[in-house]
Amino acid sequence: MVIQDFSSKVVFLDTAPLIYFIEGHSEYQDLLTKLFDSNDKGGFSFITSSITLLEVLVKPFREGKNDIAEQYRNILTKAPGIEVFDVTSATSEIAARLRAQYNFRTPDAIQLATSIEAGADYFLTNDNRLKAVSEIVVVTVGELK
């Protein structure tokens, strides 16, 4: 999938692509830089859930890397092209249905449920297992060009 396919769309940002971007995952860095630049220029919108914030902060907190934690916090809470959704009762119910149907772990089910509830066009991840979902188009970072 070409990044331009995201033009004017809403893309749910899962945890792994954000970690790769902030921490400089070499294999995907150029691609993710282009993706985040396009988002910064208003080419498309990112949404994510408060679960993403939880997940990205664990390692920096554990390692005492407050500067990295601050980068994550700033991107997720202050960047104009990213909106963070809280987990609601409706999200929890959708997540429970996804867990029951696909046997996903709770965090993955919540991420997917948030994207579905919020009406995202795409779910960007690097977890191929999530491609089993038929309720939203799941795209892995490796599929981007």
N, C-alpha and C. Protein backbone atom coordinates (compact mmCIF):
# COMPACT_ATOMS: atom_id res chain seq x y z
N MET A 1 0.85 -1.17 0.00
CA MET A 1 0.00 0.00 0.00
C MET A 1 0.89 1.23 0.00
N VAL A 2 0.55 2.19 -0.81
CA VAL A 2 1.31 3.43 -0.91
C VAL A 2 0.79 4.42 0.13
N ILE A 3 1.68 5.17 0.74
CA ILE A 3 1.29 6.14 1.76
C ILE A 3 0.21 7.08 1.22
N GLN A 4 0.28 7.41 -0.06
CA GLN A 4 -0.72 8.30 -0.66
C GLN A 4 -2.12 7.71 -0.59
N ASP A 5 -2.25 6.39 -0.43
CA ASP A 5 -3.57 5.77 -0.27
C ASP A 5 -4.26 6.25 1.01
N PHE A 6 -3.48 6.79 1.95
CA PHE A 6 -4.04 7.31 3.20
C PHE A 6 -4.59 8.72 3.03
N SER A 7 -4.39 9.32 1.86
CA SER A 7 -4.78 10.71 1.64
C SER A 7 -6.23 10.96 2.06
N SER A 8 -6.40 11.94 2.93
CA SER A 8 -7.70 12.37 3.45
C SER A 8 -8.43 11.29 4.23
N LYS A 9 -7.73 10.28 4.68
CA LYS A 9 -8.33 9.18 5.43
C LYS A 9 -8.01 9.31 6.92
N VAL A 10 -8.66 8.46 7.70
CA VAL A 10 -8.38 8.36 9.13
C VAL A 10 -7.67 7.03 9.35
N VAL A 11 -6.46 7.10 9.91
CA VAL A 11 -5.62 5.92 10.11
C VAL A 11 -5.41 5.72 11.61
N PHE A 12 -5.81 4.55 12.10
CA PHE A 12 -5.55 4.22 13.50
C PHE A 12 -4.08 3.83 13.62
N LEU A 13 -3.38 4.46 14.55
CA LEU A 13 -1.96 4.22 14.78
C LEU A 13 -1.80 3.27 15.97
N ASP A 14 -1.39 2.04 15.68
CA ASP A 14 -1.13 1.07 16.73
C ASP A 14 0.22 1.41 17.38
N THR A 15 0.53 0.75 18.44
CA THR A 15 1.70 1.06 19.25
C THR A 15 3.03 0.85 18.53
N ALA A 16 3.22 -0.28 17.87
CA ALA A 16 4.52 -0.62 17.28
C ALA A 16 5.01 0.42 16.27
N PRO A 17 4.20 0.89 15.32
CA PRO A 17 4.72 1.89 14.39
C PRO A 17 5.20 3.17 15.08
N LEU A 18 4.52 3.57 16.14
CA LEU A 18 4.94 4.77 16.87
C LEU A 18 6.28 4.52 17.56
N ILE A 19 6.44 3.37 18.18
CA ILE A 19 7.72 3.03 18.82
C ILE A 19 8.83 3.00 17.78
N TYR A 20 8.57 2.37 16.64
CA TYR A 20 9.59 2.31 15.58
C TYR A 20 10.02 3.72 15.17
N PHE A 21 9.05 4.62 15.02
CA PHE A 21 9.34 5.99 14.58
C PHE A 21 10.15 6.74 15.63
N ILE A 22 9.71 6.74 16.87
CA ILE A 22 10.38 7.50 17.92
C ILE A 22 11.75 6.93 18.25
N GLU A 23 11.86 5.63 18.30
CA GLU A 23 13.12 5.01 18.72
C GLU A 23 14.03 4.65 17.56
N GLY A 24 13.63 5.00 16.33
CA GLY A 24 14.52 4.86 15.18
C GLY A 24 14.73 3.44 14.69
N HIS A 25 13.64 2.68 14.51
CA HIS A 25 13.73 1.33 13.96
C HIS A 25 14.31 1.44 12.56
N SER A 26 15.52 0.96 12.36
CA SER A 26 16.26 1.22 11.12
C SER A 26 15.56 0.73 9.86
N GLU A 27 14.97 -0.43 9.90
CA GLU A 27 14.36 -0.99 8.69
C GLU A 27 13.20 -0.13 8.17
N TYR A 28 12.48 0.51 9.05
CA TYR A 28 11.29 1.27 8.66
C TYR A 28 11.44 2.78 8.82
N GLN A 29 12.59 3.26 9.27
CA GLN A 29 12.71 4.67 9.65
C GLN A 29 12.38 5.63 8.51
N ASP A 30 12.93 5.43 7.32
CA ASP A 30 12.66 6.36 6.21
C ASP A 30 11.18 6.37 5.86
N LEU A 31 10.61 5.21 5.81
CA LEU A 31 9.19 5.07 5.48
C LEU A 31 8.31 5.76 6.53
N LEU A 32 8.61 5.52 7.80
CA LEU A 32 7.82 6.13 8.87
C LEU A 32 8.01 7.64 8.93
N THR A 33 9.21 8.11 8.61
CA THR A 33 9.43 9.56 8.56
C THR A 33 8.54 10.17 7.48
N LYS A 34 8.45 9.55 6.31
CA LYS A 34 7.56 10.04 5.26
C LYS A 34 6.10 10.01 5.71
N LEU A 35 5.73 8.94 6.38
CA LEU A 35 4.36 8.79 6.87
C LEU A 35 4.00 9.89 7.86
N PHE A 36 4.86 10.10 8.86
CA PHE A 36 4.59 11.13 9.87
C PHE A 36 4.68 12.53 9.27
N ASP A 37 5.55 12.75 8.29
CA ASP A 37 5.61 14.04 7.59
C ASP A 37 4.30 14.31 6.86
N SER A 38 3.76 13.31 6.20
CA SER A 38 2.48 13.45 5.50
C SER A 38 1.36 13.79 6.49
N ASN A 39 1.39 13.13 7.64
CA ASN A 39 0.41 13.43 8.68
C ASN A 39 0.58 14.86 9.17
N ASP A 40 1.81 15.29 9.41
CA ASP A 40 2.08 16.65 9.88
C ASP A 40 1.58 17.70 8.89
N LYS A 41 1.64 17.38 7.61
CA LYS A 41 1.20 18.32 6.56
C LYS A 41 -0.29 18.25 6.30
N GLY A 42 -1.01 17.43 7.07
CA GLY A 42 -2.45 17.34 6.92
C GLY A 42 -2.93 16.40 5.84
N GLY A 43 -2.06 15.51 5.37
CA GLY A 43 -2.43 14.58 4.31
C GLY A 43 -3.49 13.58 4.74
N PHE A 44 -3.48 13.25 6.02
CA PHE A 44 -4.46 12.32 6.61
C PHE A 44 -4.41 12.51 8.12
N SER A 45 -5.35 11.90 8.82
CA SER A 45 -5.40 12.01 10.27
C SER A 45 -5.04 10.68 10.93
N PHE A 46 -4.27 10.77 12.00
CA PHE A 46 -4.04 9.61 12.85
C PHE A 46 -5.01 9.68 14.02
N ILE A 47 -5.51 8.52 14.42
CA ILE A 47 -6.17 8.40 15.70
C ILE A 47 -5.52 7.22 16.41
N THR A 48 -5.66 7.19 17.71
CA THR A 48 -5.16 6.07 18.48
C THR A 48 -5.95 6.02 19.77
N SER A 49 -5.60 5.09 20.66
CA SER A 49 -6.33 5.00 21.92
C SER A 49 -5.39 5.30 23.08
N SER A 50 -5.99 5.50 24.23
CA SER A 50 -5.20 5.73 25.43
C SER A 50 -4.35 4.51 25.78
N ILE A 51 -4.71 3.35 25.24
CA ILE A 51 -3.89 2.14 25.43
C ILE A 51 -2.52 2.33 24.79
N THR A 52 -2.47 3.03 23.66
CA THR A 52 -1.19 3.30 23.00
C THR A 52 -0.29 4.11 23.92
N LEU A 53 -0.84 5.13 24.55
CA LEU A 53 -0.06 5.93 25.48
C LEU A 53 0.47 5.05 26.61
N LEU A 54 -0.38 4.23 27.17
CA LEU A 54 0.04 3.30 28.24
C LEU A 54 1.20 2.43 27.75
N GLU A 55 1.03 1.81 26.58
CA GLU A 55 2.04 0.86 26.10
C GLU A 55 3.38 1.51 25.77
N VAL A 56 3.35 2.71 25.17
CA VAL A 56 4.63 3.33 24.78
C VAL A 56 5.40 3.89 25.96
N LEU A 57 4.72 4.18 27.07
CA LEU A 57 5.40 4.77 28.22
C LEU A 57 6.07 3.75 29.14
N VAL A 58 5.70 2.49 29.06
CA VAL A 58 6.21 1.49 30.00
C VAL A 58 7.73 1.39 29.94
N LYS A 59 8.29 1.15 28.78
CA LYS A 59 9.75 0.95 28.68
C LYS A 59 10.53 2.21 29.08
N PRO A 60 10.17 3.41 28.60
CA PRO A 60 10.91 4.59 29.06
C PRO A 60 10.82 4.79 30.57
N PHE A 61 9.65 4.55 31.15
CA PHE A 61 9.53 4.67 32.61
C PHE A 61 10.41 3.64 33.31
N ARG A 62 10.38 2.42 32.82
CA ARG A 62 11.17 1.35 33.42
C ARG A 62 12.66 1.67 33.38
N GLU A 63 13.09 2.27 32.26
CA GLU A 63 14.51 2.55 32.07
C GLU A 63 14.92 3.95 32.53
N GLY A 64 13.97 4.70 33.08
CA GLY A 64 14.27 6.05 33.55
C GLY A 64 14.57 7.03 32.44
N LYS A 65 14.04 6.77 31.25
CA LYS A 65 14.28 7.65 30.09
C LYS A 65 13.11 8.63 29.95
N ASN A 66 13.13 9.62 30.81
CA ASN A 66 12.03 10.59 30.84
C ASN A 66 11.94 11.41 29.56
N ASP A 67 13.08 11.62 28.87
CA ASP A 67 13.05 12.37 27.62
C ASP A 67 12.28 11.62 26.54
N ILE A 68 12.45 10.31 26.47
CA ILE A 68 11.70 9.50 25.51
C ILE A 68 10.22 9.47 25.89
N ALA A 69 9.93 9.33 27.16
CA ALA A 69 8.53 9.35 27.63
C ALA A 69 7.88 10.67 27.24
N GLU A 70 8.62 11.76 27.40
CA GLU A 70 8.08 13.09 27.05
C GLU A 70 7.81 13.19 25.54
N GLN A 71 8.69 12.63 24.72
CA GLN A 71 8.47 12.62 23.27
C GLN A 71 7.16 11.91 22.93
N TYR A 72 6.98 10.74 23.50
CA TYR A 72 5.73 10.00 23.27
C TYR A 72 4.52 10.80 23.73
N ARG A 73 4.61 11.34 24.92
CA ARG A 73 3.50 12.10 25.48
C ARG A 73 3.16 13.29 24.59
N ASN A 74 4.19 14.01 24.14
CA ASN A 74 3.96 15.18 23.28
C ASN A 74 3.33 14.81 21.95
N ILE A 75 3.84 13.75 21.33
CA ILE A 75 3.27 13.34 20.05
C ILE A 75 1.81 12.95 20.20
N LEU A 76 1.53 12.16 21.22
CA LEU A 76 0.16 11.64 21.36
C LEU A 76 -0.83 12.66 21.91
N THR A 77 -0.38 13.61 22.69
CA THR A 77 -1.33 14.53 23.30
C THR A 77 -1.31 15.94 22.74
N LYS A 78 -0.26 16.29 21.98
CA LYS A 78 -0.16 17.66 21.49
C LYS A 78 -0.07 17.81 19.98
N ALA A 79 0.25 16.75 19.27
CA ALA A 79 0.37 16.86 17.82
C ALA A 79 -1.02 17.09 17.21
N PRO A 80 -1.14 18.07 16.32
CA PRO A 80 -2.46 18.38 15.76
C PRO A 80 -3.04 17.29 14.88
N GLY A 81 -2.22 16.41 14.33
CA GLY A 81 -2.70 15.38 13.42
C GLY A 81 -2.99 14.04 14.08
N ILE A 82 -2.98 14.02 15.43
CA ILE A 82 -3.23 12.77 16.15
C ILE A 82 -4.28 13.03 17.23
N GLU A 83 -5.32 12.22 17.24
CA GLU A 83 -6.34 12.31 18.27
C GLU A 83 -6.35 11.01 19.07
N VAL A 84 -6.32 11.14 20.39
CA VAL A 84 -6.32 9.98 21.28
C VAL A 84 -7.73 9.78 21.84
N PHE A 85 -8.23 8.56 21.69
CA PHE A 85 -9.56 8.21 22.19
C PHE A 85 -9.43 7.41 23.47
N ASP A 86 -10.26 7.73 24.44
CA ASP A 86 -10.31 6.95 25.67
C ASP A 86 -11.13 5.69 25.45
N VAL A 87 -10.90 4.71 26.29
CA VAL A 87 -11.65 3.45 26.23
C VAL A 87 -13.00 3.69 26.91
N THR A 88 -14.07 3.44 26.16
CA THR A 88 -15.42 3.63 26.67
C THR A 88 -16.09 2.27 26.90
N SER A 89 -17.28 2.31 27.47
CA SER A 89 -18.05 1.07 27.64
C SER A 89 -18.35 0.45 26.28
N ALA A 90 -18.68 1.29 25.31
CA ALA A 90 -18.96 0.77 23.96
C ALA A 90 -17.72 0.12 23.36
N THR A 91 -16.56 0.74 23.57
CA THR A 91 -15.30 0.16 23.09
C THR A 91 -15.07 -1.20 23.74
N SER A 92 -15.32 -1.28 25.03
CA SER A 92 -15.11 -2.53 25.75
C SER A 92 -16.00 -3.64 25.21
N GLU A 93 -17.23 -3.31 24.86
CA GLU A 93 -18.13 -4.33 24.33
C GLU A 93 -17.67 -4.81 22.95
N ILE A 94 -17.26 -3.88 22.10
CA ILE A 94 -16.74 -4.26 20.78
C ILE A 94 -15.49 -5.12 20.97
N ALA A 95 -14.62 -4.72 21.89
CA ALA A 95 -13.39 -5.47 22.16
C ALA A 95 -13.71 -6.88 22.64
N ALA A 96 -14.71 -7.02 23.49
CA ALA A 96 -15.10 -8.35 23.97
C ALA A 96 -15.57 -9.23 22.82
N ARG A 97 -16.33 -8.65 21.91
CA ARG A 97 -16.78 -9.41 20.73
C ARG A 97 -15.60 -9.84 19.86
N LEU A 98 -14.64 -8.93 19.69
CA LEU A 98 -13.45 -9.26 18.90
C LEU A 98 -12.62 -10.35 19.58
N ARG A 99 -12.49 -10.27 20.90
CA ARG A 99 -11.76 -11.32 21.64
C ARG A 99 -12.46 -12.66 21.49
N ALA A 100 -13.78 -12.64 21.59
CA ALA A 100 -14.54 -13.88 21.49
C ALA A 100 -14.41 -14.49 20.09
N GLN A 101 -14.46 -13.63 19.07
CA GLN A 101 -14.43 -14.13 17.69
C GLN A 101 -13.03 -14.51 17.22
N TYR A 102 -12.04 -13.68 17.56
CA TYR A 102 -10.69 -13.87 17.01
C TYR A 102 -9.65 -14.35 18.02
N ASN A 103 -10.01 -14.38 19.30
CA ASN A 103 -9.11 -14.82 20.35
C ASN A 103 -7.88 -13.92 20.49
N PHE A 104 -8.05 -12.60 20.29
CA PHE A 104 -6.96 -11.64 20.46
C PHE A 104 -6.73 -11.37 21.93
N ARG A 105 -5.53 -10.90 22.26
CA ARG A 105 -5.24 -10.42 23.61
C ARG A 105 -6.06 -9.15 23.86
N THR A 106 -6.34 -8.87 25.10
CA THR A 106 -7.18 -7.71 25.45
C THR A 106 -6.66 -6.39 24.87
N PRO A 107 -5.37 -6.05 25.01
CA PRO A 107 -4.93 -4.76 24.44
C PRO A 107 -5.16 -4.67 22.92
N ASP A 108 -4.90 -5.76 22.20
CA ASP A 108 -5.12 -5.75 20.75
C ASP A 108 -6.61 -5.57 20.44
N ALA A 109 -7.45 -6.26 21.18
CA ALA A 109 -8.90 -6.14 20.96
C ALA A 109 -9.38 -4.72 21.24
N ILE A 110 -8.83 -4.09 22.28
CA ILE A 110 -9.22 -2.71 22.59
C ILE A 110 -8.75 -1.76 21.49
N GLN A 111 -7.53 -1.96 21.01
CA GLN A 111 -7.02 -1.11 19.92
C GLN A 111 -7.92 -1.23 18.69
N LEU A 112 -8.21 -2.46 18.30
CA LEU A 112 -9.08 -2.67 17.14
C LEU A 112 -10.47 -2.10 17.37
N ALA A 113 -11.01 -2.33 18.55
CA ALA A 113 -12.35 -1.82 18.86
C ALA A 113 -12.40 -0.30 18.80
N THR A 114 -11.37 0.34 19.29
CA THR A 114 -11.31 1.80 19.24
C THR A 114 -11.31 2.28 17.80
N SER A 115 -10.53 1.63 16.97
CA SER A 115 -10.47 2.04 15.56
C SER A 115 -11.82 1.85 14.87
N ILE A 116 -12.50 0.77 15.18
CA ILE A 116 -13.81 0.50 14.58
C ILE A 116 -14.84 1.50 15.10
N GLU A 117 -14.88 1.69 16.41
CA GLU A 117 -15.84 2.61 17.01
C GLU A 117 -15.65 4.04 16.49
N ALA A 118 -14.40 4.45 16.30
CA ALA A 118 -14.09 5.81 15.85
C ALA A 118 -14.25 5.98 14.35
N GLY A 119 -14.46 4.90 13.63
CA GLY A 119 -14.68 4.99 12.18
C GLY A 119 -13.42 5.17 11.36
N ALA A 120 -12.31 4.64 11.84
CA ALA A 120 -11.06 4.73 11.08
C ALA A 120 -11.18 3.96 9.76
N ASP A 121 -10.45 4.44 8.77
CA ASP A 121 -10.42 3.77 7.46
C ASP A 121 -9.42 2.63 7.44
N TYR A 122 -8.31 2.80 8.19
CA TYR A 122 -7.24 1.81 8.22
C TYR A 122 -6.74 1.64 9.64
N PHE A 123 -6.17 0.48 9.91
CA PHE A 123 -5.53 0.17 11.19
C PHE A 123 -4.08 -0.14 10.87
N LEU A 124 -3.15 0.75 11.27
CA LEU A 124 -1.73 0.57 10.96
C LEU A 124 -1.03 -0.08 12.15
N THR A 125 -0.43 -1.22 11.90
CA THR A 125 0.22 -2.02 12.94
C THR A 125 1.45 -2.68 12.34
N ASN A 126 2.06 -3.54 13.10
CA ASN A 126 3.06 -4.43 12.52
C ASN A 126 2.83 -5.84 13.03
N ASP A 127 1.59 -6.11 13.39
CA ASP A 127 1.19 -7.41 13.93
C ASP A 127 0.32 -8.12 12.88
N ASN A 128 0.92 -9.04 12.16
CA ASN A 128 0.20 -9.74 11.10
C ASN A 128 -1.02 -10.52 11.59
N ARG A 129 -1.01 -10.93 12.86
CA ARG A 129 -2.15 -11.68 13.40
C ARG A 129 -3.45 -10.87 13.33
N LEU A 130 -3.32 -9.55 13.41
CA LEU A 130 -4.51 -8.70 13.42
C LEU A 130 -5.18 -8.60 12.06
N LYS A 131 -4.51 -9.07 11.03
CA LYS A 131 -5.09 -9.05 9.68
C LYS A 131 -6.28 -10.01 9.55
N ALA A 132 -6.50 -10.84 10.55
CA ALA A 132 -7.64 -11.76 10.54
C ALA A 132 -8.97 -11.01 10.64
N VAL A 133 -8.94 -9.80 11.12
CA VAL A 133 -10.15 -9.00 11.32
C VAL A 133 -10.76 -8.59 9.98
N SER A 134 -12.06 -8.72 9.90
CA SER A 134 -12.75 -8.29 8.67
C SER A 134 -13.47 -6.95 8.87
N GLU A 135 -13.50 -6.45 10.11
CA GLU A 135 -14.24 -5.23 10.42
C GLU A 135 -13.53 -3.94 10.03
N ILE A 136 -12.22 -4.01 9.77
CA ILE A 136 -11.43 -2.84 9.37
C ILE A 136 -10.26 -3.34 8.53
N VAL A 137 -9.76 -2.48 7.65
CA VAL A 137 -8.60 -2.83 6.83
C VAL A 137 -7.34 -2.66 7.67
N VAL A 138 -6.64 -3.77 7.89
CA VAL A 138 -5.41 -3.77 8.68
C VAL A 138 -4.23 -3.74 7.72
N VAL A 139 -3.32 -2.77 7.95
CA VAL A 139 -2.14 -2.60 7.12
C VAL A 139 -0.92 -2.68 8.03
N THR A 140 0.08 -3.46 7.61
CA THR A 140 1.32 -3.51 8.39
C THR A 140 2.33 -2.52 7.82
N VAL A 141 3.23 -2.08 8.68
CA VAL A 141 4.25 -1.13 8.26
C VAL A 141 5.02 -1.68 7.07
N GLY A 142 5.32 -2.98 7.09
CA GLY A 142 6.06 -3.60 6.01
C GLY A 142 5.36 -3.56 4.66
N GLU A 143 4.05 -3.36 4.67
CA GLU A 143 3.29 -3.27 3.41
C GLU A 143 3.30 -1.88 2.80
N LEU A 144 3.76 -0.89 3.55
CA LEU A 144 3.77 0.49 3.05
C LEU A 144 4.92 0.72 2.08
N LYS A 145 4.67 1.58 1.16
CA LYS A 145 5.70 1.98 0.18
C LYS A 145 5.77 3.48 0.12
